[in-house]
Amino acid sequence: MSAPRIRELENMAAKLSATARKLPPGQERQDAFREISKFRDKITALKIAERSAQEPKTQHN
């Protein structure tokens, strides 16, 4: 996944967080933040995978 696409996903997560903060306290708000956290975890995994794909491969003899 490209860096611009990952930034787009990060911006989306920020917008979701801002919207969730507007929810009244309660279960729905907690659930929203839980789902946003999972989404951010997936973004982090994509960033790690992207970095790994860009690293030069080394051979072990």
N, C-alpha and C. Protein backbone atom coordinates (compact mmCIF):
# COMPACT_ATOMS: atom_id res chain seq x y z
N MET A 1 0.86 -1.17 0.00
CA MET A 1 0.00 0.00 0.00
C MET A 1 0.90 1.23 0.00
N SER A 2 0.52 2.23 -0.74
CA SER A 2 1.34 3.42 -0.90
C SER A 2 1.25 4.33 0.33
N ALA A 3 2.30 5.12 0.52
CA ALA A 3 2.34 6.05 1.64
C ALA A 3 1.18 7.05 1.59
N PRO A 4 0.84 7.59 0.41
CA PRO A 4 -0.31 8.52 0.37
C PRO A 4 -1.62 7.85 0.80
N ARG A 5 -1.80 6.60 0.42
CA ARG A 5 -3.02 5.87 0.81
C ARG A 5 -3.05 5.65 2.32
N ILE A 6 -1.90 5.34 2.91
CA ILE A 6 -1.83 5.15 4.36
C ILE A 6 -2.14 6.46 5.07
N ARG A 7 -1.61 7.57 4.56
CA ARG A 7 -1.92 8.89 5.16
C ARG A 7 -3.42 9.18 5.06
N GLU A 8 -4.02 8.78 3.94
CA GLU A 8 -5.46 8.97 3.77
C GLU A 8 -6.23 8.18 4.84
N LEU A 9 -5.80 6.96 5.11
CA LEU A 9 -6.44 6.15 6.15
C LEU A 9 -6.24 6.77 7.53
N GLU A 10 -5.03 7.32 7.79
CA GLU A 10 -4.77 7.98 9.07
C GLU A 10 -5.68 9.21 9.24
N ASN A 11 -5.86 9.96 8.16
CA ASN A 11 -6.76 11.12 8.22
C ASN A 11 -8.20 10.68 8.49
N MET A 12 -8.58 9.57 7.88
CA MET A 12 -9.91 9.03 8.11
C MET A 12 -10.09 8.64 9.58
N ALA A 13 -9.09 8.01 10.15
CA ALA A 13 -9.15 7.62 11.56
C ALA A 13 -9.27 8.85 12.46
N ALA A 14 -8.55 9.91 12.12
CA ALA A 14 -8.63 11.15 12.89
C ALA A 14 -10.05 11.74 12.82
N LYS A 15 -10.65 11.72 11.64
CA LYS A 15 -12.01 12.23 11.48
C LYS A 15 -13.01 11.38 12.27
N LEU A 16 -12.81 10.07 12.24
CA LEU A 16 -13.69 9.18 13.00
C LEU A 16 -13.58 9.46 14.50
N SER A 17 -12.35 9.69 14.97
CA SER A 17 -12.15 10.01 16.39
C SER A 17 -12.85 11.31 16.75
N ALA A 18 -12.73 12.31 15.90
CA ALA A 18 -13.38 13.59 16.16
C ALA A 18 -14.89 13.42 16.24
N THR A 19 -15.43 12.61 15.35
CA THR A 19 -16.87 12.36 15.37
C THR A 19 -17.28 11.58 16.61
N ALA A 20 -16.48 10.60 16.99
CA ALA A 20 -16.79 9.79 18.17
C ALA A 20 -16.77 10.64 19.44
N ARG A 21 -15.87 11.64 19.50
CA ARG A 21 -15.81 12.51 20.68
C ARG A 21 -17.09 13.32 20.85
N LYS A 22 -17.85 13.48 19.79
CA LYS A 22 -19.11 14.23 19.85
C LYS A 22 -20.25 13.39 20.40
N LEU A 23 -20.06 12.08 20.45
CA LEU A 23 -21.10 11.20 20.98
C LEU A 23 -21.22 11.40 22.49
N PRO A 24 -22.42 11.23 23.02
CA PRO A 24 -22.57 11.33 24.48
C PRO A 24 -21.86 10.15 25.15
N PRO A 25 -21.40 10.35 26.39
CA PRO A 25 -20.77 9.24 27.10
C PRO A 25 -21.71 8.04 27.14
N GLY A 26 -21.11 6.87 27.04
CA GLY A 26 -21.93 5.66 27.09
C GLY A 26 -21.33 4.56 26.24
N GLN A 27 -22.08 3.48 26.13
CA GLN A 27 -21.61 2.28 25.44
C GLN A 27 -21.34 2.52 23.96
N GLU A 28 -22.19 3.28 23.31
CA GLU A 28 -22.01 3.54 21.87
C GLU A 28 -20.69 4.27 21.62
N ARG A 29 -20.38 5.24 22.46
CA ARG A 29 -19.12 5.98 22.32
C ARG A 29 -17.93 5.06 22.58
N GLN A 30 -18.02 4.26 23.63
CA GLN A 30 -16.94 3.31 23.94
C GLN A 30 -16.72 2.33 22.79
N ASP A 31 -17.81 1.83 22.23
CA ASP A 31 -17.71 0.90 21.10
C ASP A 31 -17.07 1.57 19.89
N ALA A 32 -17.44 2.82 19.65
CA ALA A 32 -16.87 3.55 18.52
C ALA A 32 -15.35 3.69 18.69
N PHE A 33 -14.91 4.09 19.88
CA PHE A 33 -13.48 4.23 20.12
C PHE A 33 -12.75 2.88 20.04
N ARG A 34 -13.40 1.83 20.45
CA ARG A 34 -12.81 0.49 20.36
C ARG A 34 -12.59 0.11 18.89
N GLU A 35 -13.59 0.37 18.05
CA GLU A 35 -13.48 0.06 16.63
C GLU A 35 -12.43 0.95 15.95
N ILE A 36 -12.37 2.21 16.33
CA ILE A 36 -11.37 3.12 15.77
C ILE A 36 -9.97 2.65 16.16
N SER A 37 -9.82 2.17 17.38
CA SER A 37 -8.54 1.64 17.83
C SER A 37 -8.11 0.44 16.99
N LYS A 38 -9.05 -0.43 16.68
CA LYS A 38 -8.75 -1.58 15.83
C LYS A 38 -8.33 -1.12 14.43
N PHE A 39 -9.02 -0.10 13.92
CA PHE A 39 -8.70 0.46 12.61
C PHE A 39 -7.28 1.03 12.62
N ARG A 40 -6.93 1.75 13.68
CA ARG A 40 -5.58 2.31 13.80
C ARG A 40 -4.53 1.19 13.89
N ASP A 41 -4.86 0.11 14.58
CA ASP A 41 -3.94 -1.04 14.65
C ASP A 41 -3.68 -1.61 13.26
N LYS A 42 -4.72 -1.68 12.45
CA LYS A 42 -4.55 -2.19 11.08
C LYS A 42 -3.70 -1.24 10.24
N ILE A 43 -3.87 0.06 10.45
CA ILE A 43 -3.04 1.03 9.74
C ILE A 43 -1.57 0.84 10.13
N THR A 44 -1.33 0.65 11.43
CA THR A 44 0.04 0.42 11.90
C THR A 44 0.62 -0.84 11.26
N ALA A 45 -0.17 -1.89 11.17
CA ALA A 45 0.30 -3.13 10.53
C ALA A 45 0.65 -2.88 9.06
N LEU A 46 -0.16 -2.08 8.38
CA LEU A 46 0.13 -1.75 6.98
C LEU A 46 1.44 -0.97 6.86
N LYS A 47 1.67 -0.05 7.80
CA LYS A 47 2.91 0.73 7.77
C LYS A 47 4.13 -0.17 7.98
N ILE A 48 4.01 -1.11 8.90
CA ILE A 48 5.10 -2.05 9.16
C ILE A 48 5.35 -2.91 7.93
N ALA A 49 4.29 -3.40 7.32
CA ALA A 49 4.42 -4.22 6.12
C ALA A 49 5.06 -3.42 4.99
N GLU A 50 4.68 -2.16 4.86
CA GLU A 50 5.25 -1.29 3.82
C GLU A 50 6.75 -1.11 4.05
N ARG A 51 7.14 -0.86 5.29
CA ARG A 51 8.57 -0.70 5.61
C ARG A 51 9.34 -1.99 5.33
N SER A 52 8.76 -3.12 5.69
CA SER A 52 9.41 -4.41 5.46
C SER A 52 9.60 -4.66 3.97
N ALA A 53 8.62 -4.29 3.18
CA ALA A 53 8.70 -4.50 1.74
C ALA A 53 9.76 -3.62 1.11
N GLN A 54 10.06 -2.48 1.72
CA GLN A 54 11.04 -1.56 1.17
C GLN A 54 12.46 -1.88 1.60
N GLU A 55 12.62 -2.66 2.68
CA GLU A 55 13.96 -3.00 3.15
C GLU A 55 14.63 -3.96 2.18
N PRO A 56 15.93 -3.78 1.96
CA PRO A 56 16.63 -4.71 1.07
C PRO A 56 16.67 -6.10 1.69
N LYS A 57 16.52 -7.08 0.85
CA LYS A 57 16.57 -8.46 1.31
C LYS A 57 18.03 -8.91 1.45
N THR A 58 18.32 -9.60 2.53
CA THR A 58 19.67 -10.13 2.73
C THR A 58 19.62 -11.64 2.75
N GLN A 59 20.67 -12.25 2.25
CA GLN A 59 20.73 -13.69 2.26
C GLN A 59 21.60 -14.14 3.43
N HIS A 60 21.17 -15.20 4.06
CA HIS A 60 21.93 -15.79 5.15
C HIS A 60 22.55 -17.07 4.65
N ASN A 61 23.86 -17.17 4.71
CA ASN A 61 24.55 -18.40 4.26
C ASN A 61 25.03 -19.19 5.44
